[in-house]
Amino acid sequence: EGLSKDNHTIRAEDWDAFYFCTSAKNNLLKNPCGEEEFNFWELTDNDGNGWKVEDLPGDSGKPFPDQSIQKYFVTSFEWCRKTQLINLVSEGFDAEILDSLQPAINVKDWYAGRHDSGFFYDLHVELLSEDMSVIQEYKSGEIQVPQWSDAEWKEISNTFTSYGPGIRYVKFTHGGKDSQFWGGWYGARITNSTVTVEQ
């Protein structure tokens, strides 16, 4: 909405809030759907046949609910995990405002599999301080989906609140593998990952 141009006595706090809001609501994860292959991601585990990017819906798969999403990352028969580290200050968030307002940080991810193969998936998100100490974290644990499932895309999400001062980074890690131990790419399919900061 912004600030009214007719208000000539704008307080410093209002400008802080306006500045903060211009950075909020955008997805802070880069290349969340694999449109740029693995740019911006660190492949922390790349086992089996490793990570791969495929076009939706994929073999024995289902279309994604948002038709604008065209690609997904897919895992193999051993654990494949990838990480992205978000520097909140570099993304435009003022450190003092982060410390005082402690805005909600929302994380979401989407995962699915093939109808003919079971899989494991996990999500781990950490809020880190300047020295990379963990202030708060979310772990989904290993989610197992059996063979012959409906292959529908499922959303997982978490909201961080009241985490205290000092947050400077968000570390987002997710991954999976198949449960059949088949060569190739029969494991978890992942796309449309998001990290947003509420105003």
Protein backbone atom coordinates (compact mmCIF):
# COMPACT_ATOMS: atom_id res chain seq x y z
CA GLU A 1 0.00 0.00 0.00
CA GLY A 2 2.87 2.39 0.73
CA LEU A 3 2.80 5.68 2.59
CA SER A 4 0.56 8.62 1.78
CA LYS A 5 2.35 11.38 -0.11
CA ASP A 6 0.12 13.89 1.67
CA ASN A 7 1.59 13.02 5.05
CA HIS A 8 4.49 15.47 5.50
CA THR A 9 5.25 14.34 9.04
CA ILE A 10 6.20 10.74 8.40
CA ARG A 11 7.82 9.12 11.40
CA ALA A 12 11.05 7.19 11.11
CA GLU A 13 9.23 4.05 12.23
CA ASP A 14 6.82 4.38 9.28
CA TRP A 15 9.70 4.53 6.85
CA ASP A 16 11.20 1.47 8.51
CA ALA A 17 7.93 -0.40 8.09
CA PHE A 18 7.60 0.71 4.46
CA TYR A 19 11.17 -0.35 3.72
CA PHE A 20 10.53 -3.70 5.36
CA CYS A 21 7.31 -4.32 3.45
CA THR A 22 8.96 -3.77 0.09
CA SER A 23 11.19 -6.79 0.79
CA ALA A 24 8.50 -9.00 2.32
CA LYS A 25 6.27 -11.49 0.52
CA ASN A 26 8.77 -12.41 -2.22
CA ASN A 27 10.13 -15.93 -2.46
CA LEU A 28 13.69 -15.74 -1.14
CA LEU A 29 14.67 -19.10 -2.65
CA LYS A 30 16.21 -18.84 -6.09
CA ASN A 31 15.48 -21.41 -8.80
CA PRO A 32 12.84 -23.24 -6.74
CA CYS A 33 11.54 -25.39 -9.61
CA GLY A 34 14.67 -26.40 -11.51
CA GLU A 35 14.18 -24.03 -14.44
CA GLU A 36 17.89 -23.21 -14.13
CA GLU A 37 18.97 -26.81 -13.43
CA PHE A 38 20.88 -26.65 -10.11
CA ASN A 39 21.97 -23.00 -10.09
CA PHE A 40 21.91 -21.48 -6.57
CA TRP A 41 21.67 -24.91 -4.88
CA GLU A 42 24.43 -26.79 -3.08
CA LEU A 43 24.05 -30.52 -3.65
CA THR A 44 24.98 -31.75 -0.18
CA ASP A 45 24.06 -35.39 -0.94
CA ASN A 46 24.08 -36.57 -4.53
CA ASP A 47 24.11 -40.34 -4.20
CA GLY A 48 22.70 -43.21 -6.25
CA ASN A 49 22.45 -41.75 -9.73
CA GLY A 50 22.26 -38.27 -8.19
CA TRP A 51 19.81 -35.42 -8.60
CA LYS A 52 18.05 -34.77 -11.91
CA VAL A 53 15.58 -32.20 -13.27
CA GLU A 54 12.56 -33.50 -15.22
CA ASP A 55 9.52 -32.00 -16.94
CA LEU A 56 6.11 -32.27 -15.35
CA PRO A 57 4.12 -34.45 -15.02
CA GLY A 58 6.88 -37.06 -15.51
CA ASP A 59 6.49 -40.80 -16.00
CA SER A 60 3.77 -42.31 -13.76
CA GLY A 61 3.26 -38.85 -12.21
CA LYS A 62 0.53 -36.25 -11.80
CA PRO A 63 0.35 -32.63 -13.01
CA PHE A 64 1.25 -29.93 -10.49
CA PRO A 65 -1.72 -27.91 -9.11
CA ASP A 66 -0.23 -24.68 -10.51
CA GLN A 67 -0.01 -25.20 -14.26
CA SER A 68 2.71 -22.54 -14.55
CA ILE A 69 5.14 -24.91 -12.79
CA GLN A 70 6.77 -26.98 -15.52
CA LYS A 71 9.71 -28.76 -13.89
CA TYR A 72 10.71 -30.61 -10.73
CA PHE A 73 13.82 -32.00 -9.06
CA VAL A 74 13.91 -35.78 -8.66
CA THR A 75 15.98 -38.03 -6.40
CA SER A 76 17.57 -41.43 -6.91
CA PHE A 77 17.98 -44.69 -4.97
CA GLU A 78 20.29 -43.25 -2.30
CA TRP A 79 19.79 -40.00 -0.38
CA CYS A 80 19.88 -36.85 -2.47
CA ARG A 81 19.75 -33.56 -0.54
CA LYS A 82 20.30 -29.96 -1.55
CA THR A 83 20.64 -26.74 0.39
CA GLN A 84 20.22 -23.03 -0.17
CA LEU A 85 21.45 -20.41 2.29
CA ILE A 86 19.51 -17.13 2.36
CA ASN A 87 21.22 -14.02 3.70
CA LEU A 88 18.30 -11.93 4.96
CA VAL A 89 20.25 -8.67 5.16
CA SER A 90 21.53 -9.10 1.60
CA GLU A 91 17.93 -9.70 0.53
CA GLY A 92 16.93 -6.28 1.84
CA PHE A 93 15.83 -6.88 5.42
CA ASP A 94 17.18 -4.46 8.01
CA ALA A 95 18.87 -6.28 10.89
CA GLU A 96 17.36 -4.05 13.56
CA ILE A 97 13.87 -4.52 12.16
CA LEU A 98 14.35 -8.28 12.01
CA ASP A 99 15.40 -8.23 15.66
CA SER A 100 12.58 -5.99 16.88
CA LEU A 101 9.63 -7.09 14.74
CA GLN A 102 10.64 -10.76 14.43
CA PRO A 103 8.35 -11.18 11.41
CA ALA A 104 6.89 -14.61 10.67
CA ILE A 105 9.06 -16.65 8.32
CA ASN A 106 7.04 -19.08 6.21
CA VAL A 107 8.56 -22.09 4.49
CA LYS A 108 6.72 -24.35 2.05
CA ASP A 109 7.68 -27.25 -0.13
CA TRP A 110 5.89 -29.63 -2.48
CA TYR A 111 6.73 -33.29 -2.95
CA ALA A 112 5.35 -36.27 -4.87
CA GLY A 113 6.49 -39.56 -6.33
CA ARG A 114 5.80 -42.00 -9.08
CA HIS A 115 2.75 -44.26 -8.82
CA ASP A 116 4.98 -47.30 -9.28
CA SER A 117 7.65 -46.46 -6.70
CA GLY A 118 7.64 -45.64 -3.00
CA PHE A 119 9.92 -42.93 -1.66
CA PHE A 120 11.29 -41.04 1.33
CA TYR A 121 11.29 -37.22 1.65
CA ASP A 122 12.55 -34.83 4.32
CA LEU A 123 12.72 -31.09 4.95
CA HIS A 124 15.03 -29.30 7.38
CA VAL A 125 15.00 -25.51 7.78
CA GLU A 126 17.28 -23.62 10.18
CA LEU A 127 17.23 -19.99 11.32
CA LEU A 128 20.85 -19.00 11.83
CA SER A 129 22.69 -16.17 13.56
CA GLU A 130 25.56 -14.12 12.12
CA ASP A 131 28.03 -16.80 13.28
CA MET A 132 25.83 -19.59 11.85
CA SER A 133 24.55 -20.80 15.22
CA VAL A 134 21.10 -22.41 15.07
CA ILE A 135 18.48 -20.22 16.79
CA GLN A 136 15.42 -22.20 15.73
CA GLU A 137 14.83 -25.10 13.35
CA TYR A 138 12.13 -27.23 11.79
CA LYS A 139 12.57 -30.90 10.88
CA SER A 140 9.87 -32.82 9.07
CA GLY A 141 11.51 -36.14 9.84
CA GLU A 142 11.59 -38.82 7.17
CA ILE A 143 8.24 -38.97 5.42
CA GLN A 144 7.65 -42.31 3.71
CA VAL A 145 5.14 -42.76 0.90
CA PRO A 146 4.51 -46.36 -0.21
CA GLN A 147 4.60 -47.86 -3.67
CA TRP A 148 1.32 -47.62 -5.64
CA SER A 149 0.33 -44.35 -3.96
CA ASP A 150 -1.83 -41.80 -5.79
CA ALA A 151 1.29 -39.80 -6.88
CA GLU A 152 -0.51 -36.56 -6.01
CA TRP A 153 1.57 -33.51 -5.07
CA LYS A 154 1.53 -32.73 -1.34
CA GLU A 155 2.44 -29.47 0.37
CA ILE A 156 4.43 -29.28 3.59
CA SER A 157 4.83 -26.01 5.49
CA ASN A 158 6.06 -24.42 8.69
CA THR A 159 5.91 -20.91 10.13
CA PHE A 160 8.64 -19.59 12.43
CA THR A 161 7.51 -16.98 14.99
CA SER A 162 8.83 -15.51 18.25
CA TYR A 163 12.33 -16.71 17.47
CA GLY A 164 14.12 -13.87 19.25
CA PRO A 165 16.74 -11.44 17.97
CA GLY A 166 19.78 -12.36 15.94
CA ILE A 167 18.39 -14.11 12.86
CA ARG A 168 20.51 -13.33 9.79
CA TYR A 169 20.25 -16.45 7.63
CA VAL A 170 17.72 -19.09 6.66
CA LYS A 171 19.18 -22.45 5.65
CA PHE A 172 16.74 -24.54 3.60
CA THR A 173 17.55 -28.22 3.02
CA HIS A 174 15.37 -30.90 1.48
CA GLY A 175 15.79 -34.24 -0.22
CA GLY A 176 14.70 -37.79 -0.69
CA LYS A 177 15.29 -41.19 -2.23
CA ASP A 178 13.25 -44.09 -3.58
CA SER A 179 12.33 -47.05 -1.41
CA GLN A 180 12.66 -49.69 -4.13
CA PHE A 181 16.41 -49.24 -4.62
CA TRP A 182 15.92 -49.04 -8.38
CA GLY A 183 18.64 -47.54 -10.59
CA GLY A 184 17.63 -44.23 -12.13
CA TRP A 185 15.29 -41.57 -10.75
CA TYR A 186 12.35 -43.17 -8.95
CA GLY A 187 12.62 -41.21 -5.69
CA ALA A 188 10.95 -38.10 -4.27
CA ARG A 189 10.03 -35.35 -6.72
CA ILE A 190 10.27 -31.81 -5.34
CA THR A 191 9.30 -28.40 -6.70
CA ASN A 192 7.93 -24.92 -5.94
CA SER A 193 9.85 -24.50 -2.68
CA THR A 194 9.33 -21.12 -0.98
CA VAL A 195 10.69 -19.05 1.88
CA THR A 196 8.84 -15.80 2.56
CA VAL A 197 8.95 -13.21 5.33
CA GLU A 198 5.68 -11.63 6.41
CA GLN A 199 5.36 -7.91 6.90
